[in-house]
């Protein structure tokens, strides 16, 4: 078992790892060893254990646990569940990577705000650096707070209607935490 766990640690991460054990204690130890050595969280861990150890296997970190001997149909269903979970995680991975590149690490200040309250929901690091407010400060503010007071009425008029697609406007002014005023172009897009 030690060599198998080390092989898992070396990667690549499989979609499914099956752990078999003859009692609850060895089952828990094996599952914890796999969970601590496997790369990433995407692996589905299936435990084939005595009926008395099913709950312990799930508590130890198994995604699925079947009592042995398990009916063939139950094994097939567990493997199909693992395959669906792996496919779902593979599909989500590019979306997370895209978000990381297009928002989080984008060199241009960006944010999400709630159209009803105008409160910031998320800001990227470039906005924190450019404007001078910390992320938690931003999240306690609205988009009105980064405008000079004389520009707020125009802002409220423009946010009273939501563009259906990409909206690009110029002639805006923003205010940094230190009071600096700078001119900006705004590109916005509604998202749910």
N, C-alpha and C. Protein backbone atom coordinates (compact mmCIF):
# COMPACT_ATOMS: atom_id res chain seq x y z
N UNK A 1 0.81 -1.20 0.00
CA UNK A 1 0.00 0.00 0.00
C UNK A 1 0.85 1.26 0.00
N UNK A 2 2.00 1.24 0.69
CA UNK A 2 2.87 2.42 0.75
C UNK A 2 3.38 2.81 -0.62
N UNK A 3 3.77 1.82 -1.44
CA UNK A 3 4.26 2.10 -2.79
C UNK A 3 3.15 2.68 -3.67
N UNK A 4 1.94 2.20 -3.50
CA UNK A 4 0.81 2.71 -4.29
C UNK A 4 0.53 4.16 -3.94
N UNK A 5 0.58 4.49 -2.65
CA UNK A 5 0.34 5.87 -2.22
C UNK A 5 1.44 6.77 -2.74
N UNK A 6 2.68 6.34 -2.69
CA UNK A 6 3.78 7.14 -3.23
C UNK A 6 3.64 7.35 -4.73
N UNK A 7 3.17 6.33 -5.44
CA UNK A 7 2.94 6.47 -6.88
C UNK A 7 1.86 7.50 -7.15
N UNK A 8 0.83 7.51 -6.32
CA UNK A 8 -0.22 8.53 -6.46
C UNK A 8 0.36 9.92 -6.24
N UNK A 9 1.24 10.06 -5.26
CA UNK A 9 1.83 11.37 -4.96
C UNK A 9 2.67 11.87 -6.12
N UNK A 10 3.28 10.96 -6.85
CA UNK A 10 4.13 11.35 -7.98
C UNK A 10 3.31 11.83 -9.16
N UNK A 11 2.02 11.45 -9.20
CA UNK A 11 1.13 11.89 -10.28
C UNK A 11 1.30 11.03 -11.50
N UNK A 12 0.54 11.24 -12.53
CA UNK A 12 -0.58 12.17 -12.61
C UNK A 12 -1.76 11.68 -11.78
N UNK A 13 -2.64 12.59 -11.42
CA UNK A 13 -3.79 12.25 -10.59
C UNK A 13 -4.82 11.47 -11.40
N UNK A 14 -5.19 10.29 -10.92
CA UNK A 14 -6.22 9.52 -11.63
C UNK A 14 -7.61 10.09 -11.32
N UNK A 15 -8.58 9.71 -12.11
CA UNK A 15 -9.96 10.13 -11.85
C UNK A 15 -10.56 9.34 -10.70
N UNK A 16 -10.13 8.11 -10.52
CA UNK A 16 -10.72 7.21 -9.52
C UNK A 16 -9.63 6.41 -8.83
N UNK A 17 -9.70 6.36 -7.50
CA UNK A 17 -8.83 5.49 -6.71
C UNK A 17 -9.75 4.59 -5.90
N UNK A 18 -9.49 3.28 -5.96
CA UNK A 18 -10.28 2.31 -5.21
C UNK A 18 -9.43 1.82 -4.05
N UNK A 19 -9.97 1.94 -2.85
CA UNK A 19 -9.30 1.46 -1.64
C UNK A 19 -10.10 0.28 -1.12
N UNK A 20 -9.40 -0.80 -0.84
CA UNK A 20 -10.06 -1.96 -0.23
C UNK A 20 -9.44 -2.18 1.14
N UNK A 21 -10.26 -2.61 2.08
CA UNK A 21 -9.77 -2.87 3.44
C UNK A 21 -10.66 -3.92 4.08
N UNK A 22 -10.09 -4.59 5.09
CA UNK A 22 -10.83 -5.67 5.77
C UNK A 22 -11.46 -5.21 7.07
N UNK A 23 -11.11 -4.01 7.54
CA UNK A 23 -11.71 -3.49 8.78
C UNK A 23 -11.70 -1.96 8.75
N UNK A 24 -12.43 -1.34 9.67
CA UNK A 24 -12.60 0.11 9.69
C UNK A 24 -11.27 0.84 9.92
N UNK A 25 -10.44 0.33 10.82
CA UNK A 25 -9.19 1.03 11.14
C UNK A 25 -8.25 1.08 9.94
N UNK A 26 -8.05 -0.05 9.27
CA UNK A 26 -7.15 -0.05 8.11
C UNK A 26 -7.75 0.75 6.95
N UNK A 27 -9.08 0.75 6.85
CA UNK A 27 -9.76 1.53 5.82
C UNK A 27 -9.51 3.02 6.04
N UNK A 28 -9.73 3.50 7.26
CA UNK A 28 -9.52 4.91 7.57
C UNK A 28 -8.07 5.31 7.31
N UNK A 29 -7.12 4.48 7.73
CA UNK A 29 -5.70 4.79 7.53
C UNK A 29 -5.37 4.87 6.03
N UNK A 30 -5.89 3.94 5.26
CA UNK A 30 -5.61 3.94 3.82
C UNK A 30 -6.21 5.17 3.14
N UNK A 31 -7.43 5.51 3.49
CA UNK A 31 -8.08 6.67 2.88
C UNK A 31 -7.35 7.96 3.24
N UNK A 32 -6.98 8.10 4.49
CA UNK A 32 -6.25 9.31 4.91
C UNK A 32 -4.89 9.39 4.20
N UNK A 33 -4.23 8.25 4.02
CA UNK A 33 -2.95 8.24 3.32
C UNK A 33 -3.13 8.68 1.87
N UNK A 34 -4.15 8.16 1.22
CA UNK A 34 -4.41 8.56 -0.17
C UNK A 34 -4.72 10.04 -0.25
N UNK A 35 -5.62 10.52 0.62
CA UNK A 35 -6.02 11.94 0.58
C UNK A 35 -4.83 12.86 0.85
N UNK A 36 -3.90 12.44 1.68
CA UNK A 36 -2.77 13.31 2.00
C UNK A 36 -1.67 13.26 0.94
N UNK A 37 -1.68 12.26 0.07
CA UNK A 37 -0.62 12.14 -0.93
C UNK A 37 -1.04 12.40 -2.36
N UNK A 38 -2.32 12.32 -2.64
CA UNK A 38 -2.76 12.47 -4.02
C UNK A 38 -2.69 13.95 -4.41
N UNK A 39 -2.32 14.21 -5.66
CA UNK A 39 -2.24 15.59 -6.15
C UNK A 39 -3.62 16.09 -6.52
N UNK A 40 -3.99 17.24 -6.00
CA UNK A 40 -5.25 17.86 -6.37
C UNK A 40 -6.44 17.26 -5.65
N UNK A 41 -7.57 17.90 -5.81
CA UNK A 41 -8.80 17.47 -5.15
C UNK A 41 -9.73 16.75 -6.11
N UNK A 42 -9.29 16.52 -7.34
CA UNK A 42 -10.23 16.04 -8.35
C UNK A 42 -10.46 14.54 -8.32
N UNK A 43 -9.67 13.79 -7.60
CA UNK A 43 -9.80 12.35 -7.58
C UNK A 43 -11.03 11.93 -6.78
N UNK A 44 -11.76 10.95 -7.30
CA UNK A 44 -12.87 10.34 -6.56
C UNK A 44 -12.31 9.11 -5.87
N UNK A 45 -12.56 8.98 -4.59
CA UNK A 45 -12.05 7.86 -3.82
C UNK A 45 -13.21 6.93 -3.48
N UNK A 46 -13.13 5.70 -3.98
CA UNK A 46 -14.15 4.68 -3.74
C UNK A 46 -13.58 3.66 -2.77
N UNK A 47 -14.28 3.43 -1.66
CA UNK A 47 -13.85 2.45 -0.67
C UNK A 47 -14.72 1.20 -0.78
N UNK A 48 -14.08 0.06 -0.90
CA UNK A 48 -14.76 -1.24 -0.88
C UNK A 48 -14.40 -1.88 0.45
N UNK A 49 -15.35 -1.90 1.37
CA UNK A 49 -15.05 -2.27 2.76
C UNK A 49 -16.16 -3.14 3.33
N UNK A 50 -15.90 -3.77 4.47
CA UNK A 50 -16.99 -4.50 5.12
C UNK A 50 -18.13 -3.54 5.46
N UNK A 51 -19.34 -4.06 5.51
CA UNK A 51 -20.52 -3.21 5.73
C UNK A 51 -20.38 -2.36 6.98
N UNK A 52 -19.77 -2.89 8.04
CA UNK A 52 -19.61 -2.16 9.29
C UNK A 52 -18.65 -0.97 9.16
N UNK A 53 -17.85 -0.93 8.09
CA UNK A 53 -16.86 0.13 7.93
C UNK A 53 -17.27 1.19 6.91
N UNK A 54 -18.46 1.09 6.33
CA UNK A 54 -18.89 2.03 5.29
C UNK A 54 -18.92 3.46 5.83
N UNK A 55 -19.54 3.67 6.98
CA UNK A 55 -19.63 5.01 7.54
C UNK A 55 -18.26 5.57 7.90
N UNK A 56 -17.39 4.74 8.45
CA UNK A 56 -16.03 5.17 8.80
C UNK A 56 -15.26 5.58 7.54
N UNK A 57 -15.47 4.86 6.44
CA UNK A 57 -14.79 5.19 5.18
C UNK A 57 -15.23 6.56 4.68
N UNK A 58 -16.51 6.83 4.74
CA UNK A 58 -17.02 8.14 4.31
C UNK A 58 -16.51 9.25 5.22
N UNK A 59 -16.49 8.99 6.53
CA UNK A 59 -15.98 9.98 7.49
C UNK A 59 -14.50 10.26 7.27
N UNK A 60 -13.76 9.26 6.80
CA UNK A 60 -12.32 9.42 6.59
C UNK A 60 -12.00 10.16 5.30
N UNK A 61 -13.00 10.34 4.41
CA UNK A 61 -12.74 11.11 3.19
C UNK A 61 -13.06 10.42 1.89
N UNK A 62 -13.62 9.21 1.96
CA UNK A 62 -14.02 8.54 0.72
C UNK A 62 -15.23 9.27 0.14
N UNK A 63 -15.28 9.39 -1.18
CA UNK A 63 -16.44 9.99 -1.83
C UNK A 63 -17.60 9.00 -1.90
N UNK A 64 -17.24 7.74 -2.10
CA UNK A 64 -18.22 6.66 -2.21
C UNK A 64 -17.71 5.48 -1.40
N UNK A 65 -18.62 4.74 -0.79
CA UNK A 65 -18.23 3.53 -0.05
C UNK A 65 -19.28 2.46 -0.30
N UNK A 66 -18.80 1.28 -0.66
CA UNK A 66 -19.70 0.15 -0.91
C UNK A 66 -19.29 -1.02 -0.03
N UNK A 67 -20.27 -1.72 0.51
CA UNK A 67 -19.92 -2.91 1.29
C UNK A 67 -19.52 -4.04 0.35
N UNK A 68 -18.55 -4.85 0.78
CA UNK A 68 -18.12 -5.99 -0.03
C UNK A 68 -18.79 -7.25 0.51
N UNK A 69 -19.15 -8.17 -0.33
CA UNK A 69 -19.01 -8.07 -1.79
C UNK A 69 -20.09 -7.14 -2.36
N UNK A 70 -19.69 -6.26 -3.22
CA UNK A 70 -20.61 -5.30 -3.83
C UNK A 70 -21.19 -5.90 -5.10
N UNK A 71 -22.47 -5.73 -5.31
CA UNK A 71 -23.06 -6.20 -6.57
C UNK A 71 -22.41 -5.50 -7.76
N UNK A 72 -22.27 -6.22 -8.85
CA UNK A 72 -21.64 -5.71 -10.06
C UNK A 72 -22.29 -4.40 -10.51
N UNK A 73 -23.61 -4.31 -10.46
CA UNK A 73 -24.33 -3.10 -10.89
C UNK A 73 -23.96 -1.90 -10.01
N UNK A 74 -23.75 -2.14 -8.72
CA UNK A 74 -23.37 -1.05 -7.81
C UNK A 74 -21.96 -0.54 -8.13
N UNK A 75 -21.07 -1.47 -8.45
CA UNK A 75 -19.71 -1.07 -8.84
C UNK A 75 -19.74 -0.24 -10.12
N UNK A 76 -20.51 -0.68 -11.09
CA UNK A 76 -20.61 0.06 -12.35
C UNK A 76 -21.19 1.46 -12.11
N UNK A 77 -22.19 1.56 -11.24
CA UNK A 77 -22.80 2.86 -10.94
C UNK A 77 -21.79 3.77 -10.24
N UNK A 78 -20.99 3.22 -9.34
CA UNK A 78 -19.98 4.02 -8.64
C UNK A 78 -18.92 4.52 -9.61
N UNK A 79 -18.50 3.67 -10.53
CA UNK A 79 -17.50 4.08 -11.53
C UNK A 79 -18.09 5.14 -12.46
N UNK A 80 -19.34 4.99 -12.86
CA UNK A 80 -19.99 6.00 -13.71
C UNK A 80 -20.10 7.33 -12.98
N UNK A 81 -20.40 7.30 -11.68
CA UNK A 81 -20.47 8.53 -10.87
C UNK A 81 -19.11 9.21 -10.84
N UNK A 82 -18.04 8.43 -10.67
CA UNK A 82 -16.69 8.99 -10.65
C UNK A 82 -16.33 9.60 -12.00
N UNK A 83 -16.71 8.92 -13.08
CA UNK A 83 -16.43 9.46 -14.41
C UNK A 83 -17.16 10.78 -14.66
N UNK A 84 -18.43 10.88 -14.22
CA UNK A 84 -19.18 12.13 -14.39
C UNK A 84 -18.56 13.25 -13.56
N UNK A 85 -18.14 12.93 -12.34
CA UNK A 85 -17.52 13.95 -11.48
C UNK A 85 -16.21 14.44 -12.09
N UNK A 86 -15.42 13.53 -12.63
CA UNK A 86 -14.15 13.91 -13.26
C UNK A 86 -14.38 14.78 -14.48
N UNK A 87 -15.37 14.41 -15.29
CA UNK A 87 -15.68 15.21 -16.48
C UNK A 87 -16.14 16.61 -16.09
N UNK A 88 -16.97 16.71 -15.06
CA UNK A 88 -17.45 18.00 -14.58
C UNK A 88 -16.28 18.86 -14.09
N UNK A 89 -15.36 18.27 -13.34
CA UNK A 89 -14.22 19.02 -12.82
C UNK A 89 -13.28 19.46 -13.94
N UNK A 90 -13.10 18.60 -14.95
CA UNK A 90 -12.27 18.99 -16.08
C UNK A 90 -12.90 20.16 -16.83
N UNK A 91 -14.22 20.16 -16.94
CA UNK A 91 -14.92 21.25 -17.63
C UNK A 91 -14.83 22.55 -16.84
N UNK A 92 -14.82 22.46 -15.51
CA UNK A 92 -14.76 23.67 -14.67
C UNK A 92 -13.35 24.25 -14.63
N UNK A 93 -12.35 23.43 -14.76
CA UNK A 93 -10.97 23.89 -14.64
C UNK A 93 -10.62 25.01 -15.61
N UNK A 94 -10.96 24.91 -16.92
CA UNK A 94 -10.67 26.02 -17.82
C UNK A 94 -11.41 27.30 -17.45
N UNK A 95 -12.63 27.18 -16.94
CA UNK A 95 -13.38 28.38 -16.54
C UNK A 95 -12.67 29.08 -15.40
N UNK A 96 -12.16 28.32 -14.42
CA UNK A 96 -11.42 28.94 -13.32
C UNK A 96 -10.14 29.58 -13.84
N UNK A 97 -9.44 28.90 -14.75
CA UNK A 97 -8.21 29.44 -15.32
C UNK A 97 -8.51 30.70 -16.13
N UNK A 98 -9.59 30.69 -16.90
CA UNK A 98 -9.98 31.88 -17.66
C UNK A 98 -10.27 33.04 -16.73
N UNK A 99 -10.99 32.80 -15.64
CA UNK A 99 -11.31 33.85 -14.68
C UNK A 99 -10.02 34.42 -14.09
N UNK A 100 -9.10 33.53 -13.78
CA UNK A 100 -7.82 33.96 -13.21
C UNK A 100 -7.09 34.90 -14.17
N UNK A 101 -7.06 34.55 -15.45
CA UNK A 101 -6.34 35.36 -16.43
C UNK A 101 -7.11 36.61 -16.84
N UNK A 102 -8.41 36.48 -17.05
CA UNK A 102 -9.17 37.61 -17.58
C UNK A 102 -9.61 38.59 -16.51
N UNK A 103 -9.70 38.18 -15.27
CA UNK A 103 -10.14 39.10 -14.21
C UNK A 103 -9.07 39.28 -13.14
N UNK A 104 -8.78 38.25 -12.41
CA UNK A 104 -7.91 38.37 -11.24
C UNK A 104 -6.55 38.96 -11.59
N UNK A 105 -5.93 38.47 -12.64
CA UNK A 105 -4.57 38.92 -12.99
C UNK A 105 -4.55 39.93 -14.13
N UNK A 106 -5.69 40.41 -14.53
CA UNK A 106 -5.74 41.38 -15.62
C UNK A 106 -4.99 42.65 -15.19
N UNK A 107 -4.16 43.23 -16.05
CA UNK A 107 -3.40 44.42 -15.67
C UNK A 107 -4.25 45.69 -15.60
N UNK A 108 -5.50 45.63 -16.06
CA UNK A 108 -6.40 46.78 -16.02
C UNK A 108 -7.33 46.66 -14.82
N UNK A 109 -7.61 47.77 -14.15
CA UNK A 109 -8.56 47.72 -13.03
C UNK A 109 -9.92 47.19 -13.51
N UNK A 110 -10.44 46.23 -12.77
CA UNK A 110 -11.72 45.62 -13.11
C UNK A 110 -12.49 45.33 -11.83
N UNK A 111 -13.81 45.31 -11.95
CA UNK A 111 -14.65 44.93 -10.82
C UNK A 111 -16.00 44.46 -11.30
N UNK A 112 -16.67 43.77 -10.39
CA UNK A 112 -18.07 43.42 -10.55
C UNK A 112 -18.82 44.25 -9.53
N UNK A 113 -19.99 44.78 -9.90
CA UNK A 113 -20.82 45.46 -8.93
C UNK A 113 -22.27 45.07 -9.15
N UNK A 114 -23.05 45.18 -8.08
CA UNK A 114 -24.47 44.85 -8.13
C UNK A 114 -25.22 46.03 -8.75
N UNK A 115 -25.97 45.79 -9.79
CA UNK A 115 -26.65 46.86 -10.53
C UNK A 115 -27.72 47.54 -9.67
N UNK A 116 -28.31 46.83 -8.72
CA UNK A 116 -29.36 47.43 -7.89
C UNK A 116 -28.80 48.30 -6.77
N UNK A 117 -27.75 47.81 -6.10
CA UNK A 117 -27.20 48.55 -4.95
C UNK A 117 -25.98 49.38 -5.32
N UNK A 118 -25.38 49.08 -6.47
CA UNK A 118 -24.13 49.70 -6.94
C UNK A 118 -22.94 49.32 -6.07
N UNK A 119 -23.10 48.35 -5.17
CA UNK A 119 -22.00 47.89 -4.32
C UNK A 119 -21.03 47.02 -5.10
N UNK A 120 -19.73 47.19 -4.80
CA UNK A 120 -18.72 46.33 -5.39
C UNK A 120 -18.92 44.92 -4.86
N UNK A 121 -18.82 43.95 -5.75
CA UNK A 121 -18.93 42.54 -5.39
C UNK A 121 -17.55 41.88 -5.43
N UNK A 122 -16.71 42.30 -6.38
CA UNK A 122 -15.35 41.77 -6.50
C UNK A 122 -14.51 42.83 -7.21
N UNK A 123 -13.25 42.92 -6.83
CA UNK A 123 -12.31 43.81 -7.51
C UNK A 123 -11.02 43.03 -7.75
N UNK A 124 -10.33 43.37 -8.83
CA UNK A 124 -9.07 42.67 -9.08
C UNK A 124 -7.91 43.44 -8.46
N UNK A 125 -6.74 42.83 -8.50
CA UNK A 125 -5.56 43.42 -7.87
C UNK A 125 -5.16 44.74 -8.54
N UNK A 126 -5.34 44.85 -9.85
CA UNK A 126 -4.99 46.10 -10.54
C UNK A 126 -5.83 47.26 -10.02
N UNK A 127 -7.10 47.02 -9.69
CA UNK A 127 -7.94 48.08 -9.12
C UNK A 127 -7.44 48.49 -7.74
N UNK A 128 -7.06 47.52 -6.94
CA UNK A 128 -6.53 47.81 -5.61
C UNK A 128 -5.28 48.69 -5.71
N UNK A 129 -4.39 48.34 -6.62
CA UNK A 129 -3.15 49.10 -6.80
C UNK A 129 -3.42 50.49 -7.35
N UNK A 130 -4.23 50.60 -8.38
CA UNK A 130 -4.49 51.89 -9.04
C UNK A 130 -5.25 52.86 -8.15
N UNK A 131 -6.26 52.36 -7.43
CA UNK A 131 -7.15 53.24 -6.67
C UNK A 131 -6.71 53.44 -5.22
N UNK A 132 -5.93 52.53 -4.68
CA UNK A 132 -5.38 52.71 -3.33
C UNK A 132 -6.21 52.16 -2.20
N UNK A 133 -7.43 51.71 -2.45
CA UNK A 133 -8.22 51.09 -1.39
C UNK A 133 -7.88 49.61 -1.33
N UNK A 134 -7.90 49.06 -0.14
CA UNK A 134 -7.71 47.63 0.03
C UNK A 134 -8.98 46.92 -0.47
N UNK A 135 -8.85 45.64 -0.77
CA UNK A 135 -9.97 44.87 -1.30
C UNK A 135 -11.18 44.93 -0.36
N UNK A 136 -10.96 44.75 0.95
CA UNK A 136 -12.09 44.79 1.88
C UNK A 136 -12.72 46.18 1.96
N UNK A 137 -11.94 47.23 1.75
CA UNK A 137 -12.50 48.58 1.70
C UNK A 137 -13.39 48.73 0.46
N UNK A 138 -12.87 48.27 -0.68
CA UNK A 138 -13.67 48.32 -1.92
C UNK A 138 -15.01 47.61 -1.72
N UNK A 139 -14.99 46.44 -1.10
CA UNK A 139 -16.19 45.64 -0.97
C UNK A 139 -17.21 46.26 0.00
N UNK A 140 -16.81 47.29 0.72
CA UNK A 140 -17.73 48.03 1.56
C UNK A 140 -18.20 49.32 0.90
N UNK A 141 -17.84 49.52 -0.35
CA UNK A 141 -18.15 50.77 -1.06
C UNK A 141 -19.10 50.50 -2.23
N UNK A 142 -19.55 51.59 -2.84
CA UNK A 142 -20.31 51.50 -4.09
C UNK A 142 -19.51 52.18 -5.18
N UNK A 143 -19.94 52.02 -6.42
CA UNK A 143 -19.23 52.66 -7.52
C UNK A 143 -19.35 54.19 -7.46
N UNK A 144 -20.33 54.70 -6.70
CA UNK A 144 -20.43 56.16 -6.52
C UNK A 144 -19.22 56.70 -5.74
N UNK A 145 -18.66 55.86 -4.86
CA UNK A 145 -17.56 56.30 -3.99
C UNK A 145 -16.26 56.56 -4.74
N UNK A 146 -16.13 56.06 -5.97
CA UNK A 146 -14.90 56.31 -6.72
C UNK A 146 -15.11 57.42 -7.75
N UNK A 147 -16.22 58.13 -7.65
CA UNK A 147 -16.51 59.23 -8.57
C UNK A 147 -16.39 60.55 -7.83
N UNK A 148 -15.97 61.60 -8.51
CA UNK A 148 -16.06 62.93 -7.89
C UNK A 148 -17.55 63.22 -7.64
N UNK A 149 -17.89 63.91 -6.56
CA UNK A 149 -19.30 64.15 -6.24
C UNK A 149 -20.10 64.74 -7.39
N UNK A 150 -19.51 65.63 -8.17
CA UNK A 150 -20.24 66.26 -9.27
C UNK A 150 -20.54 65.30 -10.42
N UNK A 151 -19.94 64.10 -10.44
CA UNK A 151 -20.17 63.13 -11.51
C UNK A 151 -21.19 62.05 -11.14
N UNK A 152 -21.63 62.04 -9.88
CA UNK A 152 -22.50 60.96 -9.40
C UNK A 152 -23.86 60.98 -10.11
N UNK A 153 -24.43 62.15 -10.35
CA UNK A 153 -25.73 62.21 -11.02
C UNK A 153 -25.65 61.58 -12.42
N UNK A 154 -24.59 61.89 -13.16
CA UNK A 154 -24.41 61.28 -14.49
C UNK A 154 -24.28 59.76 -14.36
N UNK A 155 -23.54 59.32 -13.37
CA UNK A 155 -23.38 57.89 -13.12
C UNK A 155 -24.74 57.23 -12.89
N UNK A 156 -25.56 57.84 -12.04
CA UNK A 156 -26.86 57.26 -11.73
C UNK A 156 -27.75 57.19 -12.97
N UNK A 157 -27.66 58.20 -13.82
CA UNK A 157 -28.42 58.15 -15.08
C UNK A 157 -27.94 57.00 -15.95
N UNK A 158 -26.63 56.82 -16.03
CA UNK A 158 -26.10 55.78 -16.92
C UNK A 158 -26.36 54.38 -16.39
N UNK A 159 -26.43 54.22 -15.07
CA UNK A 159 -26.69 52.88 -14.51
C UNK A 159 -28.18 52.58 -14.40
N UNK A 160 -29.03 53.55 -14.73
CA UNK A 160 -30.47 53.31 -14.65
C UNK A 160 -30.95 52.39 -15.77
N UNK A 161 -30.15 52.24 -16.80
CA UNK A 161 -30.46 51.27 -17.86
C UNK A 161 -29.23 50.39 -18.07
N UNK A 162 -29.47 49.12 -18.29
CA UNK A 162 -28.38 48.17 -18.44
C UNK A 162 -28.25 47.81 -19.92
N UNK A 163 -27.05 47.97 -20.45
CA UNK A 163 -26.81 47.60 -21.85
C UNK A 163 -26.98 46.09 -22.00
N UNK A 164 -27.43 45.68 -23.17
CA UNK A 164 -27.62 44.24 -23.41
C UNK A 164 -26.30 43.54 -23.67
N UNK A 165 -25.33 44.25 -24.15
CA UNK A 165 -24.04 43.64 -24.45
C UNK A 165 -22.92 44.56 -24.01
N UNK A 166 -21.84 44.51 -24.71
CA UNK A 166 -20.67 45.31 -24.40
C UNK A 166 -21.00 46.79 -24.55
N UNK A 167 -20.63 47.59 -23.55
CA UNK A 167 -20.87 49.03 -23.57
C UNK A 167 -19.54 49.73 -23.33
N UNK A 168 -19.16 50.62 -24.22
CA UNK A 168 -17.87 51.31 -24.13
C UNK A 168 -18.14 52.81 -24.09
N UNK A 169 -17.75 53.47 -23.01
CA UNK A 169 -17.97 54.91 -22.87
C UNK A 169 -16.69 55.61 -22.45
N UNK A 170 -16.61 56.88 -22.83
CA UNK A 170 -15.45 57.71 -22.48
C UNK A 170 -15.91 58.93 -21.72
N UNK A 171 -14.96 59.69 -21.26
CA UNK A 171 -15.29 60.94 -20.60
C UNK A 171 -15.64 60.81 -19.12
N UNK A 172 -15.26 59.71 -18.53
CA UNK A 172 -15.52 59.52 -17.10
C UNK A 172 -14.30 59.93 -16.29
N UNK A 173 -14.58 60.31 -15.04
CA UNK A 173 -13.50 60.61 -14.10
C UNK A 173 -13.68 59.72 -12.88
N UNK A 174 -12.56 59.24 -12.39
CA UNK A 174 -12.56 58.43 -11.17
C UNK A 174 -11.67 59.10 -10.14
N UNK A 175 -11.93 58.73 -8.89
CA UNK A 175 -11.18 59.29 -7.76
C UNK A 175 -10.49 58.16 -7.01
N UNK A 176 -9.20 58.35 -6.73
CA UNK A 176 -8.44 57.39 -5.95
C UNK A 176 -8.61 57.71 -4.46
N UNK A 177 -8.16 56.81 -3.62
CA UNK A 177 -8.27 56.99 -2.17
C UNK A 177 -7.55 58.26 -1.72
N UNK A 178 -6.42 58.58 -2.37
CA UNK A 178 -5.65 59.77 -1.97
C UNK A 178 -6.22 61.06 -2.55
N UNK A 179 -7.36 60.99 -3.25
CA UNK A 179 -8.00 62.18 -3.79
C UNK A 179 -7.66 62.49 -5.24
N UNK A 180 -6.67 61.79 -5.81
CA UNK A 180 -6.33 62.02 -7.21
C UNK A 180 -7.54 61.76 -8.09
N UNK A 181 -7.70 62.60 -9.10
CA UNK A 181 -8.76 62.42 -10.10
C UNK A 181 -8.08 62.06 -11.41
N UNK A 182 -8.58 61.03 -12.08
CA UNK A 182 -8.01 60.66 -13.38
C UNK A 182 -9.14 60.30 -14.34
N UNK A 183 -8.86 60.48 -15.62
CA UNK A 183 -9.83 60.20 -16.68
C UNK A 183 -9.75 58.73 -17.06
N UNK A 184 -10.93 58.14 -17.31
CA UNK A 184 -10.98 56.71 -17.64
C UNK A 184 -11.95 56.46 -18.78
N UNK A 185 -11.71 55.37 -19.47
CA UNK A 185 -12.68 54.80 -20.40
C UNK A 185 -13.27 53.61 -19.70
N UNK A 186 -14.55 53.39 -19.89
CA UNK A 186 -15.21 52.28 -19.21
C UNK A 186 -15.77 51.31 -20.25
N UNK A 187 -15.45 50.05 -20.06
CA UNK A 187 -16.04 48.97 -20.85
C UNK A 187 -16.81 48.13 -19.86
N UNK A 188 -18.10 47.97 -20.10
CA UNK A 188 -18.92 47.21 -19.17
C UNK A 188 -19.72 46.15 -19.92
N UNK A 189 -20.12 45.14 -19.16
CA UNK A 189 -20.88 44.04 -19.73
C UNK A 189 -21.70 43.42 -18.60
N UNK A 190 -23.01 43.24 -18.80
CA UNK A 190 -23.82 42.64 -17.74
C UNK A 190 -23.55 41.14 -17.62
N UNK A 191 -23.47 40.65 -16.39
CA UNK A 191 -23.29 39.22 -16.13
C UNK A 191 -24.25 38.81 -15.01
N UNK A 192 -24.60 37.54 -15.01
CA UNK A 192 -25.41 36.99 -13.91
C UNK A 192 -24.57 36.00 -13.15
